[in-house]
PDB file of N, CA and C in Angstrom:
ATOM      1  N   MET A   1       1.441   0.979  76.672  1.00  0.00           N
ATOM      2  CA  MET A   1       2.803   1.333  76.910  1.00  0.00           C
ATOM      3  C   MET A   1       3.231   2.437  75.978  1.00  0.00           C
ATOM      4  N   GLU A   2       3.838   3.440  76.542  1.00  0.00           N
ATOM      5  CA  GLU A   2       4.184   4.649  75.804  1.00  0.00           C
ATOM      6  C   GLU A   2       5.658   4.483  75.279  1.00  0.00           C
ATOM      7  N   ALA A   3       5.853   5.070  74.164  1.00  0.00           N
ATOM      8  CA  ALA A   3       7.152   5.164  73.543  1.00  0.00           C
ATOM      9  C   ALA A   3       8.061   6.039  74.339  1.00  0.00           C
ATOM     10  N   PRO A   4       9.363   5.792  74.350  1.00  0.00           N
ATOM     11  CA  PRO A   4      10.247   6.707  75.106  1.00  0.00           C
ATOM     12  C   PRO A   4      10.297   8.048  74.494  1.00  0.00           C
ATOM     13  N   THR A   5      10.452   9.067  75.333  1.00  0.00           N
ATOM     14  CA  THR A   5      10.580  10.408  74.843  1.00  0.00           C
ATOM     15  C   THR A   5      11.957  10.646  74.232  1.00  0.00           C
ATOM     16  N   LEU A   6      12.062  11.748  73.528  1.00  0.00           N
ATOM     17  CA  LEU A   6      13.342  12.103  72.931  1.00  0.00           C
ATOM     18  C   LEU A   6      14.455  12.218  74.005  1.00  0.00           C
ATOM     19  N   ALA A   7      14.098  12.802  75.091  1.00  0.00           N
ATOM     20  CA  ALA A   7      15.040  12.989  76.210  1.00  0.00           C
ATOM     21  C   ALA A   7      15.530  11.680  76.713  1.00  0.00           C
ATOM     22  N   GLN A   8      14.652  10.704  76.834  1.00  0.00           N
ATOM     23  CA  GLN A   8      15.064   9.401  77.298  1.00  0.00           C
ATOM     24  C   GLN A   8      15.979   8.684  76.280  1.00  0.00           C
ATOM     25  N   VAL A   9      15.679   8.842  74.996  1.00  0.00           N
ATOM     26  CA  VAL A   9      16.566   8.269  73.964  1.00  0.00           C
ATOM     27  C   VAL A   9      17.905   8.905  74.039  1.00  0.00           C
ATOM     28  N   GLU A  10      17.904  10.232  74.183  1.00  0.00           N
ATOM     29  CA  GLU A  10      19.224  10.944  74.248  1.00  0.00           C
ATOM     30  C   GLU A  10      20.017  10.466  75.410  1.00  0.00           C
ATOM     31  N   GLU A  11      19.356  10.283  76.585  1.00  0.00           N
ATOM     32  CA  GLU A  11      20.054   9.807  77.782  1.00  0.00           C
ATOM     33  C   GLU A  11      20.691   8.416  77.487  1.00  0.00           C
ATOM     34  N   LEU A  12      19.996   7.590  76.807  1.00  0.00           N
ATOM     35  CA  LEU A  12      20.553   6.326  76.453  1.00  0.00           C
ATOM     36  C   LEU A  12      21.675   6.378  75.459  1.00  0.00           C
ATOM     37  N   CYS A  13      21.655   7.322  74.617  1.00  0.00           N
ATOM     38  CA  CYS A  13      22.620   7.440  73.539  1.00  0.00           C
ATOM     39  C   CYS A  13      23.867   8.199  73.885  1.00  0.00           C
ATOM     40  N   HIS A  14      23.738   9.331  74.559  1.00  0.00           N
ATOM     41  CA  HIS A  14      24.814  10.235  74.670  1.00  0.00           C
ATOM     42  C   HIS A  14      25.865   9.960  75.793  1.00  0.00           C
ATOM     43  N   PRO A  15      25.499   9.313  76.888  1.00  0.00           N
ATOM     44  CA  PRO A  15      26.514   9.179  77.926  1.00  0.00           C
ATOM     45  C   PRO A  15      27.745   8.544  77.463  1.00  0.00           C
ATOM     46  N   CYS A  16      27.626   7.332  76.832  1.00  0.00           N
ATOM     47  CA  CYS A  16      28.810   6.652  76.372  1.00  0.00           C
ATOM     48  C   CYS A  16      28.386   5.543  75.439  1.00  0.00           C
ATOM     49  N   PRO A  17      28.114   5.883  74.156  1.00  0.00           N
ATOM     50  CA  PRO A  17      27.663   4.850  73.261  1.00  0.00           C
ATOM     51  C   PRO A  17      28.702   3.731  73.137  1.00  0.00           C
ATOM     52  N   PRO A  18      28.207   2.512  73.116  1.00  0.00           N
ATOM     53  CA  PRO A  18      29.116   1.389  73.077  1.00  0.00           C
ATOM     54  C   PRO A  18      29.911   1.259  71.785  1.00  0.00           C
ATOM     55  N   SER A  19      29.404   1.858  70.758  1.00  0.00           N
ATOM     56  CA  SER A  19      30.075   1.729  69.420  1.00  0.00           C
ATOM     57  C   SER A  19      29.749   2.936  68.575  1.00  0.00           C
ATOM     58  N   PRO A  20      30.540   3.200  67.523  1.00  0.00           N
ATOM     59  CA  PRO A  20      30.145   4.243  66.622  1.00  0.00           C
ATOM     60  C   PRO A  20      28.770   3.979  65.932  1.00  0.00           C
ATOM     61  N   GLU A  21      28.482   2.720  65.682  1.00  0.00           N
ATOM     62  CA  GLU A  21      27.208   2.336  65.107  1.00  0.00           C
ATOM     63  C   GLU A  21      26.095   2.744  66.002  1.00  0.00           C
ATOM     64  N   GLY A  22      26.248   2.577  67.283  1.00  0.00           N
ATOM     65  CA  GLY A  22      25.215   2.954  68.273  1.00  0.00           C
ATOM     66  C   GLY A  22      24.952   4.436  68.265  1.00  0.00           C
ATOM     67  N   GLU A  23      26.026   5.167  68.132  1.00  0.00           N
ATOM     68  CA  GLU A  23      25.874   6.638  68.100  1.00  0.00           C
ATOM     69  C   GLU A  23      25.165   7.064  66.770  1.00  0.00           C
ATOM     70  N   THR A  24      25.497   6.377  65.677  1.00  0.00           N
ATOM     71  CA  THR A  24      24.838   6.655  64.412  1.00  0.00           C
ATOM     72  C   THR A  24      23.352   6.383  64.434  1.00  0.00           C
ATOM     73  N   VAL A  25      23.001   5.261  65.098  1.00  0.00           N
ATOM     74  CA  VAL A  25      21.584   4.938  65.261  1.00  0.00           C
ATOM     75  C   VAL A  25      20.863   5.952  66.093  1.00  0.00           C
ATOM     76  N   CYS A  26      21.549   6.401  67.186  1.00  0.00           N
ATOM     77  CA  CYS A  26      20.881   7.415  68.033  1.00  0.00           C
ATOM     78  C   CYS A  26      20.718   8.756  67.290  1.00  0.00           C
ATOM     79  N   ALA A  27      21.730   9.116  66.517  1.00  0.00           N
ATOM     80  CA  ALA A  27      21.629  10.368  65.699  1.00  0.00           C
ATOM     81  C   ALA A  27      20.511  10.235  64.688  1.00  0.00           C
ATOM     82  N   ALA A  28      20.376   9.066  64.062  1.00  0.00           N
ATOM     83  CA  ALA A  28      19.314   8.870  63.114  1.00  0.00           C
ATOM     84  C   ALA A  28      17.937   8.894  63.788  1.00  0.00           C
ATOM     85  N   LEU A  29      17.815   8.382  64.997  1.00  0.00           N
ATOM     86  CA  LEU A  29      16.576   8.427  65.753  1.00  0.00           C
ATOM     87  C   LEU A  29      16.201   9.890  66.094  1.00  0.00           C
ATOM     88  N   VAL A  30      17.191  10.678  66.465  1.00  0.00           N
ATOM     89  CA  VAL A  30      16.959  12.022  66.839  1.00  0.00           C
ATOM     90  C   VAL A  30      16.505  12.776  65.571  1.00  0.00           C
ATOM     91  N   ARG A  31      17.124  12.560  64.458  1.00  0.00           N
ATOM     92  CA  ARG A  31      16.746  13.243  63.211  1.00  0.00           C
ATOM     93  C   ARG A  31      15.301  12.836  62.804  1.00  0.00           C
ATOM     94  N   TYR A  32      15.018  11.494  62.989  1.00  0.00           N
ATOM     95  CA  TYR A  32      13.655  10.992  62.654  1.00  0.00           C
ATOM     96  C   TYR A  32      12.648  11.645  63.561  1.00  0.00           C
ATOM     97  N   ASP A  33      12.973  11.754  64.830  1.00  0.00           N
ATOM     98  CA  ASP A  33      12.046  12.436  65.763  1.00  0.00           C
ATOM     99  C   ASP A  33      11.785  13.878  65.405  1.00  0.00           C
ATOM    100  N   ASN A  34      12.856  14.578  65.055  1.00  0.00           N
ATOM    101  CA  ASN A  34      12.770  15.979  64.676  1.00  0.00           C
ATOM    102  C   ASN A  34      11.898  16.126  63.402  1.00  0.00           C
ATOM    103  N   THR A  35      12.094  15.198  62.465  1.00  0.00           N
ATOM    104  CA  THR A  35      11.328  15.167  61.233  1.00  0.00           C
ATOM    105  C   THR A  35       9.846  14.943  61.490  1.00  0.00           C
ATOM    106  N   LEU A  36       9.526  14.045  62.403  1.00  0.00           N
ATOM    107  CA  LEU A  36       8.171  13.782  62.689  1.00  0.00           C
ATOM    108  C   LEU A  36       7.556  15.003  63.381  1.00  0.00           C
ATOM    109  N   ARG A  37       8.303  15.634  64.308  1.00  0.00           N
ATOM    110  CA  ARG A  37       7.787  16.867  64.974  1.00  0.00           C
ATOM    111  C   ARG A  37       7.444  17.928  63.977  1.00  0.00           C
ATOM    112  N   ASP A  38       8.376  18.148  63.005  1.00  0.00           N
ATOM    113  CA  ASP A  38       8.178  19.157  61.988  1.00  0.00           C
ATOM    114  C   ASP A  38       6.901  18.785  61.166  1.00  0.00           C
ATOM    115  N   ALA A  39       6.763  17.554  60.844  1.00  0.00           N
ATOM    116  CA  ALA A  39       5.582  17.129  60.044  1.00  0.00           C
ATOM    117  C   ALA A  39       4.297  17.361  60.837  1.00  0.00           C
ATOM    118  N   ILE A  40       4.282  17.109  62.111  1.00  0.00           N
ATOM    119  CA  ILE A  40       3.132  17.299  62.937  1.00  0.00           C
ATOM    120  C   ILE A  40       2.813  18.769  62.987  1.00  0.00           C
ATOM    121  N   ARG A  41       3.822  19.638  63.140  1.00  0.00           N
ATOM    122  CA  ARG A  41       3.624  21.079  63.189  1.00  0.00           C
ATOM    123  C   ARG A  41       2.908  21.536  61.843  1.00  0.00           C
ATOM    124  N   GLU A  42       3.427  21.009  60.716  1.00  0.00           N
ATOM    125  CA  GLU A  42       2.844  21.374  59.484  1.00  0.00           C
ATOM    126  C   GLU A  42       1.384  20.917  59.354  1.00  0.00           C
ATOM    127  N   ILE A  43       1.123  19.725  59.851  1.00  0.00           N
ATOM    128  CA  ILE A  43      -0.256  19.177  59.832  1.00  0.00           C
ATOM    129  C   ILE A  43      -1.146  20.090  60.666  1.00  0.00           C
ATOM    130  N   HIS A  44      -0.705  20.474  61.884  1.00  0.00           N
ATOM    131  CA  HIS A  44      -1.462  21.387  62.704  1.00  0.00           C
ATOM    132  C   HIS A  44      -1.768  22.681  61.968  1.00  0.00           C
ATOM    133  N   ALA A  45      -0.802  23.236  61.281  1.00  0.00           N
ATOM    134  CA  ALA A  45      -0.975  24.477  60.579  1.00  0.00           C
ATOM    135  C   ALA A  45      -1.977  24.296  59.489  1.00  0.00           C
ATOM    136  N   ASP A  46      -1.869  23.156  58.766  1.00  0.00           N
ATOM    137  CA  ASP A  46      -2.840  22.914  57.660  1.00  0.00           C
ATOM    138  C   ASP A  46      -4.319  22.766  58.226  1.00  0.00           C
ATOM    139  N   VAL A  47      -4.416  22.019  59.350  1.00  0.00           N
ATOM    140  CA  VAL A  47      -5.747  21.847  59.920  1.00  0.00           C
ATOM    141  C   VAL A  47      -6.325  23.177  60.397  1.00  0.00           C
ATOM    142  N   SER A  48      -5.445  24.052  61.014  1.00  0.00           N
ATOM    143  CA  SER A  48      -5.851  25.356  61.426  1.00  0.00           C
ATOM    144  C   SER A  48      -6.337  26.184  60.210  1.00  0.00           C
ATOM    145  N   SER A  49      -5.598  26.182  59.200  1.00  0.00           N
ATOM    146  CA  SER A  49      -5.942  26.896  57.979  1.00  0.00           C
ATOM    147  C   SER A  49      -7.297  26.419  57.439  1.00  0.00           C
ATOM    148  N   PHE A  50      -7.440  25.097  57.335  1.00  0.00           N
ATOM    149  CA  PHE A  50      -8.696  24.472  56.871  1.00  0.00           C
ATOM    150  C   PHE A  50      -9.862  24.867  57.789  1.00  0.00           C
ATOM    151  N   LYS A  51      -9.665  24.860  59.055  1.00  0.00           N
ATOM    152  CA  LYS A  51     -10.697  25.252  60.024  1.00  0.00           C
ATOM    153  C   LYS A  51     -11.149  26.662  59.798  1.00  0.00           C
ATOM    154  N   LEU A  52     -10.181  27.588  59.567  1.00  0.00           N
ATOM    155  CA  LEU A  52     -10.568  28.989  59.312  1.00  0.00           C
ATOM    156  C   LEU A  52     -11.341  29.095  58.014  1.00  0.00           C
ATOM    157  N   GLY A  53     -10.955  28.350  56.962  1.00  0.00           N
ATOM    158  CA  GLY A  53     -11.702  28.364  55.730  1.00  0.00           C
ATOM    159  C   GLY A  53     -13.150  27.918  55.898  1.00  0.00           C
ATOM    160  N   VAL A  54     -13.303  26.805  56.661  1.00  0.00           N
ATOM    161  CA  VAL A  54     -14.638  26.289  56.904  1.00  0.00           C
ATOM    162  C   VAL A  54     -15.477  27.285  57.671  1.00  0.00           C
ATOM    163  N   GLU A  55     -14.872  27.918  58.656  1.00  0.00           N
ATOM    164  CA  GLU A  55     -15.604  28.880  59.500  1.00  0.00           C
ATOM    165  C   GLU A  55     -16.049  30.063  58.630  1.00  0.00           C
ATOM    166  N   HIS A  56     -15.179  30.483  57.699  1.00  0.00           N
ATOM    167  CA  HIS A  56     -15.464  31.574  56.790  1.00  0.00           C
ATOM    168  C   HIS A  56     -16.630  31.228  55.878  1.00  0.00           C
ATOM    169  N   ARG A  57     -16.599  29.991  55.373  1.00  0.00           N
ATOM    170  CA  ARG A  57     -17.683  29.528  54.485  1.00  0.00           C
ATOM    171  C   ARG A  57     -19.005  29.428  55.186  1.00  0.00           C
ATOM    172  N   LEU A  58     -18.952  28.975  56.490  1.00  0.00           N
ATOM    173  CA  LEU A  58     -20.144  28.869  57.275  1.00  0.00           C
ATOM    174  C   LEU A  58     -20.735  30.270  57.501  1.00  0.00           C
ATOM    175  N   GLU A  59     -19.898  31.227  57.774  1.00  0.00           N
ATOM    176  CA  GLU A  59     -20.338  32.590  58.034  1.00  0.00           C
ATOM    177  C   GLU A  59     -20.961  33.128  56.758  1.00  0.00           C
ATOM    178  N   GLU A  60     -20.315  32.981  55.607  1.00  0.00           N
ATOM    179  CA  GLU A  60     -20.869  33.428  54.318  1.00  0.00           C
ATOM    180  C   GLU A  60     -22.280  32.749  54.067  1.00  0.00           C
ATOM    181  N   THR A  61     -22.380  31.490  54.376  1.00  0.00           N
ATOM    182  CA  THR A  61     -23.633  30.736  54.155  1.00  0.00           C
ATOM    183  C   THR A  61     -24.753  31.330  55.108  1.00  0.00           C
ATOM    184  N   ALA A  62     -24.385  31.583  56.350  1.00  0.00           N
ATOM    185  CA  ALA A  62     -25.350  32.121  57.265  1.00  0.00           C
ATOM    186  C   ALA A  62     -25.812  33.457  56.828  1.00  0.00           C
ATOM    187  N   ASN A  63     -24.911  34.274  56.272  1.00  0.00           N
ATOM    188  CA  ASN A  63     -25.270  35.579  55.800  1.00  0.00           C
ATOM    189  C   ASN A  63     -26.188  35.528  54.570  1.00  0.00           C
ATOM    190  N   LEU A  64     -26.004  34.540  53.738  1.00  0.00           N
ATOM    191  CA  LEU A  64     -26.846  34.391  52.563  1.00  0.00           C
ATOM    192  C   LEU A  64     -28.193  33.725  52.862  1.00  0.00           C
ATOM    193  N   ARG A  65     -28.248  33.025  53.936  1.00  0.00           N
ATOM    194  CA  ARG A  65     -29.509  32.284  54.279  1.00  0.00           C
ATOM    195  C   ARG A  65     -30.662  33.218  54.633  1.00  0.00           C
ATOM    196  N   ALA A  66     -30.368  34.297  55.266  1.00  0.00           N
ATOM    197  CA  ALA A  66     -31.479  35.202  55.708  1.00  0.00           C
ATOM    198  C   ALA A  66     -32.255  35.784  54.573  1.00  0.00           C
ATOM    199  N   PRO A  67     -31.631  36.347  53.529  1.00  0.00           N
ATOM    200  CA  PRO A  67     -32.381  36.845  52.404  1.00  0.00           C
ATOM    201  C   PRO A  67     -33.125  35.742  51.666  1.00  0.00           C
ATOM    202  N   LEU A  68     -32.509  34.574  51.553  1.00  0.00           N
ATOM    203  CA  LEU A  68     -33.182  33.450  50.942  1.00  0.00           C
ATOM    204  C   LEU A  68     -34.399  33.020  51.709  1.00  0.00           C
ATOM    205  N   GLY A  69     -34.283  32.975  52.994  1.00  0.00           N
ATOM    206  CA  GLY A  69     -35.419  32.664  53.840  1.00  0.00           C
ATOM    207  C   GLY A  69     -36.567  33.626  53.677  1.00  0.00           C
ATOM    208  N   ARG A  70     -36.273  34.899  53.592  1.00  0.00           N
ATOM    209  CA  ARG A  70     -37.319  35.938  53.439  1.00  0.00           C
ATOM    210  C   ARG A  70     -37.971  35.751  51.996  1.00  0.00           C
ATOM    211  N   ALA A  71     -37.198  35.443  51.032  1.00  0.00           N
ATOM    212  CA  ALA A  71     -37.773  35.292  49.664  1.00  0.00           C
ATOM    213  C   ALA A  71     -38.689  34.041  49.630  1.00  0.00           C
ATOM    214  N   VAL A  72     -38.298  32.992  50.271  1.00  0.00           N
ATOM    215  CA  VAL A  72     -39.080  31.779  50.326  1.00  0.00           C
ATOM    216  C   VAL A  72     -40.427  32.055  51.078  1.00  0.00           C
ATOM    217  N   ALA A  73     -40.284  32.764  52.214  1.00  0.00           N
ATOM    218  CA  ALA A  73     -41.489  33.100  52.975  1.00  0.00           C
ATOM    219  C   ALA A  73     -42.491  33.981  52.170  1.00  0.00           C
ATOM    220  N   GLN A  74     -41.888  34.920  51.406  1.00  0.00           N
ATOM    221  CA  GLN A  74     -42.734  35.806  50.587  1.00  0.00           C
ATOM    222  C   GLN A  74     -43.409  34.978  49.446  1.00  0.00           C
ATOM    223  N   LEU A  75     -42.708  34.044  48.837  1.00  0.00           N
ATOM    224  CA  LEU A  75     -43.246  33.264  47.782  1.00  0.00           C
ATOM    225  C   LEU A  75     -44.393  32.347  48.366  1.00  0.00           C
ATOM    226  N   GLN A  76     -44.146  31.832  49.539  1.00  0.00           N
ATOM    227  CA  GLN A  76     -45.194  30.991  50.148  1.00  0.00           C
ATOM    228  C   GLN A  76     -46.452  31.818  50.429  1.00  0.00           C
ATOM    229  N   GLN A  77     -46.290  33.044  50.898  1.00  0.00           N
ATOM    230  CA  GLN A  77     -47.447  33.903  51.111  1.00  0.00           C
ATOM    231  C   GLN A  77     -48.176  34.217  49.875  1.00  0.00           C
ATOM    232  N   GLU A  78     -47.445  34.481  48.779  1.00  0.00           N
ATOM    233  CA  GLU A  78     -47.996  34.824  47.498  1.00  0.00           C
ATOM    234  C   GLU A  78     -48.804  33.659  46.931  1.00  0.00           C
ATOM    235  N   ASN A  79     -48.413  32.434  47.240  1.00  0.00           N
ATOM    236  CA  ASN A  79     -49.037  31.216  46.695  1.00  0.00           C
ATOM    237  C   ASN A  79     -50.205  30.737  47.510  1.00  0.00           C
ATOM    238  N   GLN A  80     -50.546  31.386  48.581  1.00  0.00           N
ATOM    239  CA  GLN A  80     -51.632  30.939  49.408  1.00  0.00           C
ATOM    240  C   GLN A  80     -52.962  31.459  48.909  1.00  0.00           C
TER     241      GLN A  80
END
């Protein structure tokens, strides 16, 4: 079962809240929803940044691997 969307919550809250407390609860829910959305955006940005960093490190490692492989092969030939 899915949670109601923000639009569904707003529909329930805004037409005619039964009491001022009901309106306050709805406003708090909307603020909470907005806060969660902002947090999720920040997490996505952090994950994207982390991903770029990992990709950069993998690229650096791949570039360093070739000379190391050649050096190991040369040492193996010398030791035969």
